[in-house]
Amino acid sequence: MTCDLALKAIPLYFYGELTPSEEERVEQHMHECETCSRELERQRALGPALDRRRIEPSAGSLLRASPRSRLSSRPRRG
């Protein structure tokens, strides 16, 4: 397996989208290639880091959401 193929397969590897033989080839490549192995670990750490990140809404999104929330809190006529 080439580095290019291994790097493209990393996300599929994490999501369990590879066949058993493809998974084995990726794992074998990772044992043999330090560069790809580091990238695998980098991407492995990325998921939990993104999960922990708190995203604050922008002022623009708050302004856009405000009229909708005001409309939804009004009683309906009719």
C-alpha atoms as a PDB file:
ATOM      1  CA  MET A   1       0.000   0.000   0.000  1.00  0.00           C
ATOM      2  CA  THR A   2       1.285   3.462  -0.862  1.00  0.00           C
ATOM      3  CA  CYS A   3       1.287   6.367   1.561  1.00  0.00           C
ATOM      4  CA  ASP A   4      -1.260   8.171  -0.606  1.00  0.00           C
ATOM      5  CA  LEU A   5      -3.714   5.268  -0.394  1.00  0.00           C
ATOM      6  CA  ALA A   6      -3.070   4.781   3.314  1.00  0.00           C
ATOM      7  CA  LEU A   7      -3.693   8.442   4.106  1.00  0.00           C
ATOM      8  CA  LYS A   8      -6.931   8.434   2.119  1.00  0.00           C
ATOM      9  CA  ALA A   9      -8.037   5.285   3.957  1.00  0.00           C
ATOM     10  CA  ILE A  10      -7.527   6.661   7.483  1.00  0.00           C
ATOM     11  CA  PRO A  11     -11.016   8.205   7.868  1.00  0.00           C
ATOM     12  CA  LEU A  12     -12.591   5.048   6.447  1.00  0.00           C
ATOM     13  CA  TYR A  13     -10.512   3.006   8.875  1.00  0.00           C
ATOM     14  CA  PHE A  14     -11.833   4.991  11.845  1.00  0.00           C
ATOM     15  CA  TYR A  15     -15.442   4.644  10.711  1.00  0.00           C
ATOM     16  CA  GLY A  16     -15.136   0.903  10.076  1.00  0.00           C
ATOM     17  CA  GLU A  17     -15.803   1.348   6.364  1.00  0.00           C
ATOM     18  CA  LEU A  18     -12.933  -0.844   5.141  1.00  0.00           C
ATOM     19  CA  THR A  19     -13.133  -4.520   4.348  1.00  0.00           C
ATOM     20  CA  PRO A  20     -11.163  -6.756   6.702  1.00  0.00           C
ATOM     21  CA  SER A  21      -8.425  -7.187   4.103  1.00  0.00           C
ATOM     22  CA  GLU A  22      -8.194  -3.412   3.478  1.00  0.00           C
ATOM     23  CA  GLU A  23      -8.077  -2.794   7.224  1.00  0.00           C
ATOM     24  CA  GLU A  24      -5.253  -5.295   7.533  1.00  0.00           C
ATOM     25  CA  ARG A  25      -3.326  -3.592   4.726  1.00  0.00           C
ATOM     26  CA  VAL A  26      -3.744  -0.183   6.381  1.00  0.00           C
ATOM     27  CA  GLU A  27      -2.575  -1.547   9.732  1.00  0.00           C
ATOM     28  CA  GLN A  28       0.416  -3.229   8.097  1.00  0.00           C
ATOM     29  CA  HIS A  29       1.350   0.018   6.352  1.00  0.00           C
ATOM     30  CA  MET A  30       1.056   1.937   9.633  1.00  0.00           C
ATOM     31  CA  HIS A  31       3.485  -0.496  11.277  1.00  0.00           C
ATOM     32  CA  GLU A  32       5.953   0.060   8.458  1.00  0.00           C
ATOM     33  CA  CYS A  33       5.585   3.809   7.839  1.00  0.00           C
ATOM     34  CA  GLU A  34       6.303   6.277  10.637  1.00  0.00           C
ATOM     35  CA  THR A  35       4.936   9.256   8.683  1.00  0.00           C
ATOM     36  CA  CYS A  36       1.542   7.649   8.059  1.00  0.00           C
ATOM     37  CA  SER A  37       1.455   6.304  11.595  1.00  0.00           C
ATOM     38  CA  ARG A  38       1.888   9.836  12.956  1.00  0.00           C
ATOM     39  CA  GLU A  39      -0.927  11.041  10.703  1.00  0.00           C
ATOM     40  CA  LEU A  40      -3.162   8.217  11.941  1.00  0.00           C
ATOM     41  CA  GLU A  41      -2.516   9.297  15.546  1.00  0.00           C
ATOM     42  CA  ARG A  42      -3.083  12.953  14.666  1.00  0.00           C
ATOM     43  CA  GLN A  43      -6.455  12.150  13.134  1.00  0.00           C
ATOM     44  CA  ARG A  44      -7.312   9.825  16.032  1.00  0.00           C
ATOM     45  CA  ALA A  45      -6.804  12.756  18.449  1.00  0.00           C
ATOM     46  CA  LEU A  46      -8.719  15.187  16.243  1.00  0.00           C
ATOM     47  CA  GLY A  47     -12.176  13.638  16.799  1.00  0.00           C
ATOM     48  CA  PRO A  48     -12.205  13.910  20.601  1.00  0.00           C
ATOM     49  CA  ALA A  49     -10.647  17.381  20.399  1.00  0.00           C
ATOM     50  CA  LEU A  50     -13.475  18.552  18.157  1.00  0.00           C
ATOM     51  CA  ASP A  51     -16.036  16.949  20.456  1.00  0.00           C
ATOM     52  CA  ARG A  52     -14.648  18.925  23.415  1.00  0.00           C
ATOM     53  CA  ARG A  53     -14.583  22.228  21.570  1.00  0.00           C
ATOM     54  CA  ARG A  54     -17.389  24.569  22.470  1.00  0.00           C
ATOM     55  CA  ILE A  55     -18.623  26.632  19.567  1.00  0.00           C
ATOM     56  CA  GLU A  56     -19.988  30.049  20.416  1.00  0.00           C
ATOM     57  CA  PRO A  57     -22.631  31.444  18.064  1.00  0.00           C
ATOM     58  CA  SER A  58     -21.612  34.516  16.123  1.00  0.00           C
ATOM     59  CA  ALA A  59     -23.392  37.831  16.639  1.00  0.00           C
ATOM     60  CA  GLY A  60     -24.783  37.552  13.127  1.00  0.00           C
ATOM     61  CA  SER A  61     -26.358  34.182  13.799  1.00  0.00           C
ATOM     62  CA  LEU A  62     -27.892  35.518  17.011  1.00  0.00           C
ATOM     63  CA  LEU A  63     -29.406  38.456  15.133  1.00  0.00           C
ATOM     64  CA  ARG A  64     -30.786  36.174  12.444  1.00  0.00           C
ATOM     65  CA  ALA A  65     -32.225  33.795  15.030  1.00  0.00           C
ATOM     66  CA  SER A  66     -33.775  36.511  17.162  1.00  0.00           C
ATOM     67  CA  PRO A  67     -36.755  37.433  14.896  1.00  0.00           C
ATOM     68  CA  ARG A  68     -37.585  33.769  14.411  1.00  0.00           C
ATOM     69  CA  SER A  69     -37.588  33.105  18.109  1.00  0.00           C
ATOM     70  CA  ARG A  70     -39.786  36.149  18.674  1.00  0.00           C
ATOM     71  CA  LEU A  71     -42.205  34.993  16.000  1.00  0.00           C
ATOM     72  CA  SER A  72     -42.370  31.476  17.361  1.00  0.00           C
ATOM     73  CA  SER A  73     -43.184  32.776  20.853  1.00  0.00           C
ATOM     74  CA  ARG A  74     -46.158  34.862  19.656  1.00  0.00           C
ATOM     75  CA  PRO A  75     -49.605  33.305  19.879  1.00  0.00           C
ATOM     76  CA  ARG A  76     -51.049  32.341  16.514  1.00  0.00           C
ATOM     77  CA  ARG A  77     -54.034  34.212  15.160  1.00  0.00           C
ATOM     78  CA  GLY A  78     -56.966  32.493  13.674  1.00  0.00           C
END
